[in-house]
């Protein structure tokens, strides 16, 4: 008769042997595809908004939520902000991926810039659901809303 410890050791040895046989059969994962938006991200990091927009137009991946989010961001942050254009691209990013955290945060900031606190708070509520254990996008938008309210419901230049 096997003791509970003997059964545990036997089961553990069997599982260990099985895991090694599966590991040998596992195919290596394919190399990650190159990031078509890397140059755009570099331009945005350098605050070269017009160059970012030009690169986004060159890539022209309108079915990509990240592409739409970055286009909206670049239009909003550019030297002549295009709020209507930015909103259109943020909304498209969210149509493609309703849980896109960047588009939720940035569109919330856009709504603060255009004086629509209610819509910004709706985006924050959605982020609260999307970010189960919190996330940077939620924290950033929450901070921007608090700053907006502390400023007498006026937008700040920091977002």
N, C-alpha and C. Protein backbone atom coordinates (compact mmCIF):
# COMPACT_ATOMS: atom_id res chain seq x y z
N UNK A 1 0.84 -1.18 0.00
CA UNK A 1 0.00 0.00 0.00
C UNK A 1 0.89 1.25 0.00
N UNK A 2 0.59 2.18 -0.93
CA UNK A 2 1.38 3.39 -1.05
C UNK A 2 0.90 4.42 -0.03
N UNK A 3 1.85 5.11 0.57
CA UNK A 3 1.50 6.18 1.51
C UNK A 3 1.19 7.43 0.69
N UNK A 4 0.53 8.40 1.30
CA UNK A 4 0.24 9.64 0.58
C UNK A 4 1.51 10.32 0.06
N UNK A 5 2.59 10.24 0.79
CA UNK A 5 3.85 10.86 0.35
C UNK A 5 4.40 10.12 -0.86
N UNK A 6 4.33 8.79 -0.85
CA UNK A 6 4.80 8.00 -1.99
C UNK A 6 3.99 8.34 -3.24
N UNK A 7 2.66 8.44 -3.08
CA UNK A 7 1.81 8.80 -4.23
C UNK A 7 2.15 10.20 -4.75
N UNK A 8 2.38 11.12 -3.84
CA UNK A 8 2.74 12.48 -4.23
C UNK A 8 4.06 12.50 -4.99
N UNK A 9 5.05 11.78 -4.50
CA UNK A 9 6.34 11.73 -5.18
C UNK A 9 6.23 11.07 -6.54
N UNK A 10 5.44 9.99 -6.63
CA UNK A 10 5.25 9.30 -7.90
C UNK A 10 4.55 10.22 -8.90
N UNK A 11 3.51 10.89 -8.45
CA UNK A 11 2.78 11.82 -9.33
C UNK A 11 3.67 12.96 -9.77
N UNK A 12 4.46 13.50 -8.85
CA UNK A 12 5.37 14.61 -9.19
C UNK A 12 6.40 14.17 -10.21
N UNK A 13 6.96 12.98 -10.05
CA UNK A 13 7.95 12.47 -10.99
C UNK A 13 7.33 12.27 -12.36
N UNK A 14 6.10 11.76 -12.39
CA UNK A 14 5.41 11.54 -13.66
C UNK A 14 5.14 12.88 -14.36
N UNK A 15 4.66 13.86 -13.61
CA UNK A 15 4.40 15.18 -14.20
C UNK A 15 5.68 15.84 -14.71
N UNK A 16 6.75 15.67 -13.97
CA UNK A 16 8.03 16.24 -14.39
C UNK A 16 8.50 15.59 -15.68
N UNK A 17 8.37 14.29 -15.78
CA UNK A 17 8.78 13.57 -16.99
C UNK A 17 7.91 14.00 -18.18
N UNK A 18 6.61 14.18 -17.94
CA UNK A 18 5.70 14.59 -19.02
C UNK A 18 6.02 15.99 -19.48
N UNK A 19 6.35 16.88 -18.55
CA UNK A 19 6.64 18.25 -18.96
C UNK A 19 7.88 18.31 -19.82
N UNK A 20 8.85 17.46 -19.55
CA UNK A 20 10.06 17.45 -20.38
C UNK A 20 9.75 16.91 -21.76
N UNK A 21 8.86 15.93 -21.87
CA UNK A 21 8.54 15.40 -23.19
C UNK A 21 7.77 16.43 -24.00
N UNK A 22 6.89 17.21 -23.35
CA UNK A 22 6.17 18.24 -24.08
C UNK A 22 7.11 19.35 -24.52
N UNK A 23 8.04 19.71 -23.66
CA UNK A 23 8.97 20.78 -24.00
C UNK A 23 9.78 20.44 -25.24
N UNK A 24 10.15 19.19 -25.40
CA UNK A 24 10.93 18.78 -26.57
C UNK A 24 10.10 18.89 -27.84
N UNK A 25 8.78 18.76 -27.72
CA UNK A 25 7.91 18.81 -28.89
C UNK A 25 7.46 20.23 -29.24
N UNK A 26 7.71 21.19 -28.37
CA UNK A 26 7.25 22.55 -28.57
C UNK A 26 8.09 23.22 -29.65
N UNK A 27 7.38 23.81 -30.59
CA UNK A 27 8.06 24.53 -31.67
C UNK A 27 8.47 25.90 -31.14
N UNK A 28 9.60 26.41 -31.57
CA UNK A 28 9.99 27.75 -31.13
C UNK A 28 8.98 28.78 -31.65
N UNK A 29 8.73 29.80 -30.85
CA UNK A 29 7.78 30.83 -31.29
C UNK A 29 8.41 31.63 -32.42
N UNK A 30 7.58 32.05 -33.36
CA UNK A 30 8.12 32.84 -34.48
C UNK A 30 8.65 34.17 -33.98
N UNK A 31 9.61 34.69 -34.68
CA UNK A 31 10.18 35.99 -34.31
C UNK A 31 9.09 37.06 -34.41
N UNK A 32 9.14 38.00 -33.51
CA UNK A 32 8.16 39.08 -33.51
C UNK A 32 8.28 39.88 -34.80
N UNK A 33 7.13 40.26 -35.33
CA UNK A 33 7.11 41.06 -36.55
C UNK A 33 7.69 42.44 -36.24
N UNK A 34 8.35 43.06 -37.21
CA UNK A 34 8.89 44.40 -36.97
C UNK A 34 7.75 45.38 -36.71
N UNK A 35 8.00 46.34 -35.85
CA UNK A 35 7.00 47.34 -35.51
C UNK A 35 6.96 48.41 -36.59
N UNK A 36 5.90 48.41 -37.38
CA UNK A 36 5.77 49.40 -38.46
C UNK A 36 5.61 50.81 -37.92
N UNK A 37 5.26 50.92 -36.64
CA UNK A 37 5.02 52.23 -36.05
C UNK A 37 6.19 52.73 -35.21
N UNK A 38 7.32 52.03 -35.25
CA UNK A 38 8.48 52.41 -34.44
C UNK A 38 8.96 53.82 -34.78
N UNK A 39 9.04 54.14 -36.06
CA UNK A 39 9.49 55.48 -36.46
C UNK A 39 8.51 56.54 -35.97
N UNK A 40 7.22 56.22 -36.04
CA UNK A 40 6.20 57.15 -35.54
C UNK A 40 6.42 57.40 -34.05
N UNK A 41 6.62 56.33 -33.31
CA UNK A 41 6.83 56.46 -31.86
C UNK A 41 8.08 57.30 -31.55
N UNK A 42 9.10 57.13 -32.35
CA UNK A 42 10.32 57.91 -32.17
C UNK A 42 10.03 59.39 -32.43
N UNK A 43 9.29 59.69 -33.48
CA UNK A 43 8.94 61.08 -33.79
C UNK A 43 8.07 61.69 -32.69
N UNK A 44 7.14 60.89 -32.16
CA UNK A 44 6.27 61.38 -31.08
C UNK A 44 7.10 61.64 -29.82
N UNK A 45 8.01 60.74 -29.49
CA UNK A 45 8.87 60.93 -28.31
C UNK A 45 9.68 62.21 -28.43
N UNK A 46 10.05 62.56 -29.66
CA UNK A 46 10.82 63.79 -29.90
C UNK A 46 9.90 65.01 -30.11
N UNK A 47 8.59 64.79 -30.00
CA UNK A 47 7.58 65.84 -30.20
C UNK A 47 7.63 66.43 -31.60
N UNK A 48 8.00 65.61 -32.56
CA UNK A 48 7.99 66.00 -33.97
C UNK A 48 6.64 65.57 -34.55
N UNK A 49 5.60 66.33 -34.19
CA UNK A 49 4.24 65.94 -34.52
C UNK A 49 4.00 65.85 -36.01
N UNK A 50 4.47 66.81 -36.77
CA UNK A 50 4.23 66.79 -38.22
C UNK A 50 4.95 65.62 -38.89
N UNK A 51 6.17 65.31 -38.44
CA UNK A 51 6.89 64.15 -38.98
C UNK A 51 6.17 62.86 -38.61
N UNK A 52 5.60 62.81 -37.40
CA UNK A 52 4.83 61.62 -36.99
C UNK A 52 3.61 61.45 -37.88
N UNK A 53 2.92 62.55 -38.15
CA UNK A 53 1.73 62.48 -39.02
C UNK A 53 2.13 62.05 -40.42
N UNK A 54 3.21 62.60 -40.95
CA UNK A 54 3.68 62.20 -42.29
C UNK A 54 4.00 60.70 -42.33
N UNK A 55 4.67 60.20 -41.29
CA UNK A 55 5.02 58.78 -41.25
C UNK A 55 3.76 57.92 -41.12
N UNK A 56 2.80 58.36 -40.32
CA UNK A 56 1.54 57.63 -40.21
C UNK A 56 0.82 57.56 -41.55
N UNK A 57 0.83 58.66 -42.27
CA UNK A 57 0.21 58.67 -43.61
C UNK A 57 0.94 57.71 -44.53
N UNK A 58 2.27 57.63 -44.41
CA UNK A 58 3.04 56.72 -45.25
C UNK A 58 2.70 55.26 -44.93
N UNK A 59 2.62 54.94 -43.65
CA UNK A 59 2.29 53.57 -43.22
C UNK A 59 0.85 53.24 -43.60
N UNK A 60 -0.06 54.17 -43.38
CA UNK A 60 -1.46 54.06 -43.79
C UNK A 60 -2.13 52.75 -43.38
N UNK A 61 -2.01 52.40 -42.10
CA UNK A 61 -2.61 51.16 -41.58
C UNK A 61 -3.88 51.50 -40.81
N UNK A 62 -4.87 51.99 -41.52
CA UNK A 62 -6.09 52.52 -40.90
C UNK A 62 -6.93 51.46 -40.19
N UNK A 63 -6.65 50.18 -40.39
CA UNK A 63 -7.40 49.13 -39.71
C UNK A 63 -6.74 48.74 -38.38
N UNK A 64 -5.68 49.44 -38.01
CA UNK A 64 -4.92 49.14 -36.80
C UNK A 64 -5.30 50.16 -35.71
N UNK A 65 -5.73 49.65 -34.54
CA UNK A 65 -6.13 50.54 -33.45
C UNK A 65 -4.96 51.42 -32.99
N UNK A 66 -3.75 50.85 -32.92
CA UNK A 66 -2.59 51.65 -32.50
C UNK A 66 -2.33 52.78 -33.49
N UNK A 67 -2.43 52.48 -34.78
CA UNK A 67 -2.22 53.49 -35.82
C UNK A 67 -3.20 54.65 -35.61
N UNK A 68 -4.47 54.32 -35.43
CA UNK A 68 -5.50 55.36 -35.23
C UNK A 68 -5.26 56.15 -33.95
N UNK A 69 -4.87 55.47 -32.90
CA UNK A 69 -4.58 56.15 -31.64
C UNK A 69 -3.42 57.14 -31.80
N UNK A 70 -2.36 56.69 -32.45
CA UNK A 70 -1.20 57.56 -32.64
C UNK A 70 -1.51 58.73 -33.58
N UNK A 71 -2.35 58.51 -34.57
CA UNK A 71 -2.76 59.60 -35.45
C UNK A 71 -3.57 60.62 -34.66
N UNK A 72 -4.51 60.14 -33.84
CA UNK A 72 -5.29 61.05 -33.01
C UNK A 72 -4.40 61.85 -32.07
N UNK A 73 -3.46 61.16 -31.44
CA UNK A 73 -2.54 61.81 -30.50
C UNK A 73 -1.71 62.88 -31.21
N UNK A 74 -1.16 62.54 -32.37
CA UNK A 74 -0.32 63.48 -33.11
C UNK A 74 -1.12 64.70 -33.57
N UNK A 75 -2.35 64.49 -34.01
CA UNK A 75 -3.20 65.60 -34.43
C UNK A 75 -3.56 66.50 -33.24
N UNK A 76 -3.78 65.90 -32.10
CA UNK A 76 -4.14 66.67 -30.90
C UNK A 76 -2.96 67.47 -30.37
N UNK A 77 -1.76 66.90 -30.45
CA UNK A 77 -0.58 67.54 -29.87
C UNK A 77 0.15 68.48 -30.83
N UNK A 78 -0.19 68.42 -32.10
CA UNK A 78 0.53 69.19 -33.12
C UNK A 78 0.50 70.68 -32.90
N UNK A 79 1.29 71.42 -33.70
CA UNK A 79 1.39 72.87 -33.53
C UNK A 79 0.05 73.57 -33.75
N UNK A 80 -0.80 73.02 -34.60
CA UNK A 80 -2.16 73.52 -34.78
C UNK A 80 -3.08 72.35 -34.46
N UNK A 81 -3.45 72.20 -33.19
CA UNK A 81 -4.23 71.03 -32.79
C UNK A 81 -5.52 70.88 -33.59
N UNK A 82 -5.77 69.67 -34.03
CA UNK A 82 -6.99 69.33 -34.78
C UNK A 82 -7.82 68.40 -33.88
N UNK A 83 -8.65 69.03 -33.04
CA UNK A 83 -9.42 68.24 -32.07
C UNK A 83 -10.45 67.35 -32.75
N UNK A 84 -11.12 67.86 -33.77
CA UNK A 84 -12.13 67.05 -34.46
C UNK A 84 -11.48 65.85 -35.14
N UNK A 85 -10.34 66.07 -35.78
CA UNK A 85 -9.62 64.97 -36.42
C UNK A 85 -9.12 63.97 -35.40
N UNK A 86 -8.60 64.46 -34.28
CA UNK A 86 -8.11 63.58 -33.22
C UNK A 86 -9.24 62.71 -32.69
N UNK A 87 -10.39 63.32 -32.44
CA UNK A 87 -11.54 62.56 -31.92
C UNK A 87 -11.95 61.46 -32.90
N UNK A 88 -11.94 61.79 -34.17
CA UNK A 88 -12.31 60.80 -35.20
C UNK A 88 -11.38 59.59 -35.13
N UNK A 89 -10.09 59.83 -35.01
CA UNK A 89 -9.13 58.71 -34.98
C UNK A 89 -9.20 57.94 -33.66
N UNK A 90 -9.38 58.65 -32.55
CA UNK A 90 -9.54 57.95 -31.27
C UNK A 90 -10.78 57.05 -31.31
N UNK A 91 -11.87 57.59 -31.84
CA UNK A 91 -13.10 56.79 -31.92
C UNK A 91 -12.92 55.58 -32.82
N UNK A 92 -12.18 55.73 -33.89
CA UNK A 92 -11.91 54.59 -34.77
C UNK A 92 -11.06 53.55 -34.05
N UNK A 93 -10.06 54.00 -33.30
CA UNK A 93 -9.24 53.06 -32.52
C UNK A 93 -10.12 52.28 -31.55
N UNK A 94 -11.07 52.97 -30.93
CA UNK A 94 -11.96 52.31 -29.97
C UNK A 94 -13.02 51.46 -30.66
N UNK A 95 -13.36 51.76 -31.88
CA UNK A 95 -14.26 50.89 -32.64
C UNK A 95 -13.55 49.57 -32.92
N UNK A 96 -12.28 49.66 -33.30
CA UNK A 96 -11.48 48.47 -33.60
C UNK A 96 -11.20 47.69 -32.31
N UNK A 97 -10.85 48.39 -31.26
CA UNK A 97 -10.53 47.75 -29.97
C UNK A 97 -11.12 48.60 -28.85
N UNK A 98 -12.32 48.26 -28.39
CA UNK A 98 -12.99 49.07 -27.36
C UNK A 98 -12.23 49.15 -26.05
N UNK A 99 -11.24 48.29 -25.84
CA UNK A 99 -10.46 48.30 -24.60
C UNK A 99 -9.07 48.92 -24.79
N UNK A 100 -8.88 49.66 -25.87
CA UNK A 100 -7.57 50.26 -26.15
C UNK A 100 -7.30 51.34 -25.10
N UNK A 101 -6.41 51.02 -24.18
CA UNK A 101 -6.17 51.90 -23.04
C UNK A 101 -5.63 53.26 -23.46
N UNK A 102 -4.73 53.31 -24.44
CA UNK A 102 -4.18 54.58 -24.91
C UNK A 102 -5.25 55.48 -25.48
N UNK A 103 -6.10 54.92 -26.33
CA UNK A 103 -7.16 55.72 -26.93
C UNK A 103 -8.17 56.18 -25.89
N UNK A 104 -8.44 55.35 -24.89
CA UNK A 104 -9.35 55.76 -23.82
C UNK A 104 -8.76 56.94 -23.03
N UNK A 105 -7.49 56.82 -22.67
CA UNK A 105 -6.85 57.91 -21.92
C UNK A 105 -6.78 59.18 -22.75
N UNK A 106 -6.24 59.07 -23.97
CA UNK A 106 -6.01 60.26 -24.78
C UNK A 106 -7.30 60.93 -25.20
N UNK A 107 -8.33 60.15 -25.49
CA UNK A 107 -9.61 60.79 -25.84
C UNK A 107 -10.20 61.47 -24.61
N UNK A 108 -9.98 60.89 -23.43
CA UNK A 108 -10.42 61.57 -22.21
C UNK A 108 -9.72 62.91 -22.04
N UNK A 109 -8.43 62.93 -22.31
CA UNK A 109 -7.69 64.19 -22.24
C UNK A 109 -8.19 65.18 -23.29
N UNK A 110 -8.50 64.68 -24.47
CA UNK A 110 -9.06 65.53 -25.53
C UNK A 110 -10.37 66.16 -25.05
N UNK A 111 -11.21 65.35 -24.40
CA UNK A 111 -12.48 65.89 -23.92
C UNK A 111 -12.26 66.97 -22.86
N UNK A 112 -11.24 66.82 -22.04
CA UNK A 112 -10.94 67.89 -21.09
C UNK A 112 -10.51 69.15 -21.83
N UNK A 113 -9.70 68.97 -22.87
CA UNK A 113 -9.22 70.12 -23.65
C UNK A 113 -10.36 70.86 -24.34
N UNK A 114 -11.43 70.12 -24.65
CA UNK A 114 -12.58 70.74 -25.33
C UNK A 114 -13.71 71.06 -24.36
N UNK A 115 -13.45 70.90 -23.05
CA UNK A 115 -14.42 71.29 -22.04
C UNK A 115 -15.53 70.29 -21.77
N UNK A 116 -15.37 69.04 -22.18
CA UNK A 116 -16.42 68.04 -21.98
C UNK A 116 -16.02 67.08 -20.85
N UNK A 117 -16.18 67.55 -19.62
CA UNK A 117 -15.82 66.78 -18.44
C UNK A 117 -16.60 65.47 -18.36
N UNK A 118 -17.87 65.49 -18.72
CA UNK A 118 -18.70 64.28 -18.62
C UNK A 118 -18.14 63.16 -19.50
N UNK A 119 -17.73 63.48 -20.71
CA UNK A 119 -17.16 62.46 -21.60
C UNK A 119 -15.80 61.97 -21.08
N UNK A 120 -15.02 62.88 -20.53
CA UNK A 120 -13.73 62.49 -19.95
C UNK A 120 -13.95 61.52 -18.80
N UNK A 121 -14.94 61.79 -17.97
CA UNK A 121 -15.24 60.90 -16.85
C UNK A 121 -15.78 59.56 -17.33
N UNK A 122 -16.50 59.55 -18.46
CA UNK A 122 -16.96 58.28 -19.04
C UNK A 122 -15.76 57.44 -19.47
N UNK A 123 -14.78 58.08 -20.08
CA UNK A 123 -13.56 57.36 -20.49
C UNK A 123 -12.83 56.81 -19.26
N UNK A 124 -12.78 57.60 -18.19
CA UNK A 124 -12.14 57.14 -16.96
C UNK A 124 -12.88 55.93 -16.40
N UNK A 125 -14.20 55.95 -16.42
CA UNK A 125 -14.99 54.81 -15.92
C UNK A 125 -14.72 53.56 -16.76
N UNK A 126 -14.58 53.73 -18.07
CA UNK A 126 -14.26 52.59 -18.93
C UNK A 126 -12.87 52.06 -18.62
N UNK A 127 -11.91 52.96 -18.44
CA UNK A 127 -10.56 52.54 -18.07
C UNK A 127 -10.56 51.80 -16.74
N UNK A 128 -11.39 52.24 -15.82
CA UNK A 128 -11.47 51.57 -14.53
C UNK A 128 -11.90 50.11 -14.69
N UNK A 129 -12.78 49.85 -15.64
CA UNK A 129 -13.22 48.48 -15.91
C UNK A 129 -12.17 47.69 -16.69
N UNK A 130 -11.51 48.34 -17.63
CA UNK A 130 -10.50 47.69 -18.47
C UNK A 130 -9.25 47.34 -17.66
N UNK A 131 -8.87 48.23 -16.78
CA UNK A 131 -7.66 48.05 -15.98
C UNK A 131 -8.04 47.45 -14.64
N UNK A 132 -8.23 46.16 -14.62
CA UNK A 132 -8.72 45.46 -13.43
C UNK A 132 -7.93 45.81 -12.18
N UNK A 133 -6.63 45.81 -12.26
CA UNK A 133 -5.79 46.10 -11.09
C UNK A 133 -5.10 47.45 -11.23
N UNK A 134 -5.70 48.36 -11.97
CA UNK A 134 -5.11 49.67 -12.19
C UNK A 134 -4.11 49.64 -13.33
N UNK A 135 -3.89 50.79 -13.92
CA UNK A 135 -2.91 50.92 -15.00
C UNK A 135 -2.52 52.39 -15.11
N UNK A 136 -1.44 52.61 -15.80
CA UNK A 136 -0.91 53.97 -15.95
C UNK A 136 -1.91 54.89 -16.64
N UNK A 137 -2.60 54.38 -17.65
CA UNK A 137 -3.56 55.20 -18.40
C UNK A 137 -4.68 55.69 -17.48
N UNK A 138 -5.17 54.79 -16.61
CA UNK A 138 -6.21 55.17 -15.65
C UNK A 138 -5.68 56.24 -14.70
N UNK A 139 -4.51 56.01 -14.14
CA UNK A 139 -3.92 56.97 -13.19
C UNK A 139 -3.69 58.33 -13.84
N UNK A 140 -3.19 58.33 -15.08
CA UNK A 140 -2.92 59.59 -15.77
C UNK A 140 -4.19 60.38 -16.04
N UNK A 141 -5.24 59.68 -16.52
CA UNK A 141 -6.49 60.39 -16.81
C UNK A 141 -7.16 60.86 -15.52
N UNK A 142 -7.09 60.06 -14.49
CA UNK A 142 -7.66 60.46 -13.20
C UNK A 142 -6.97 61.73 -12.69
N UNK A 143 -5.65 61.78 -12.81
CA UNK A 143 -4.88 62.94 -12.40
C UNK A 143 -5.25 64.16 -13.26
N UNK A 144 -5.41 63.96 -14.57
CA UNK A 144 -5.77 65.06 -15.47
C UNK A 144 -7.15 65.62 -15.12
N UNK A 145 -8.09 64.74 -14.79
CA UNK A 145 -9.43 65.19 -14.41
C UNK A 145 -9.38 65.98 -13.10
N UNK A 146 -8.61 65.49 -12.14
CA UNK A 146 -8.47 66.21 -10.87
C UNK A 146 -7.85 67.59 -11.10
N UNK A 147 -6.84 67.65 -11.97
CA UNK A 147 -6.18 68.91 -12.29
C UNK A 147 -7.16 69.86 -12.98
N UNK A 148 -7.96 69.32 -13.89
CA UNK A 148 -8.97 70.09 -14.62
C UNK A 148 -9.95 70.73 -13.62
N UNK A 149 -10.43 69.92 -12.68
CA UNK A 149 -11.38 70.42 -11.68
C UNK A 149 -10.72 71.45 -10.76
N UNK A 150 -9.47 71.19 -10.36
CA UNK A 150 -8.76 72.14 -9.49
C UNK A 150 -8.49 73.46 -10.19
N UNK A 151 -8.41 73.42 -11.52
CA UNK A 151 -8.19 74.61 -12.34
C UNK A 151 -9.48 75.35 -12.65
N UNK A 152 -10.56 75.02 -11.96
CA UNK A 152 -11.84 75.67 -12.24
C UNK A 152 -12.44 75.21 -13.55
N UNK A 153 -12.32 73.92 -13.83
CA UNK A 153 -12.83 73.30 -15.06
C UNK A 153 -12.20 73.92 -16.31
N UNK A 154 -10.90 74.10 -16.21
CA UNK A 154 -10.13 74.61 -17.35
C UNK A 154 -9.03 73.61 -17.66
N UNK A 155 -8.77 73.42 -18.94
CA UNK A 155 -7.76 72.47 -19.38
C UNK A 155 -6.36 72.97 -19.04
N UNK A 156 -5.46 72.02 -18.89
CA UNK A 156 -4.07 72.32 -18.64
C UNK A 156 -3.29 72.03 -19.92
N UNK A 157 -2.14 72.61 -20.03
CA UNK A 157 -1.30 72.36 -21.22
C UNK A 157 -0.46 71.10 -21.05
N UNK A 158 -0.59 70.43 -19.90
CA UNK A 158 0.27 69.28 -19.64
C UNK A 158 -0.26 67.97 -20.22
N UNK A 159 -1.48 67.94 -20.72
CA UNK A 159 -1.98 66.70 -21.30
C UNK A 159 -2.39 66.89 -22.73
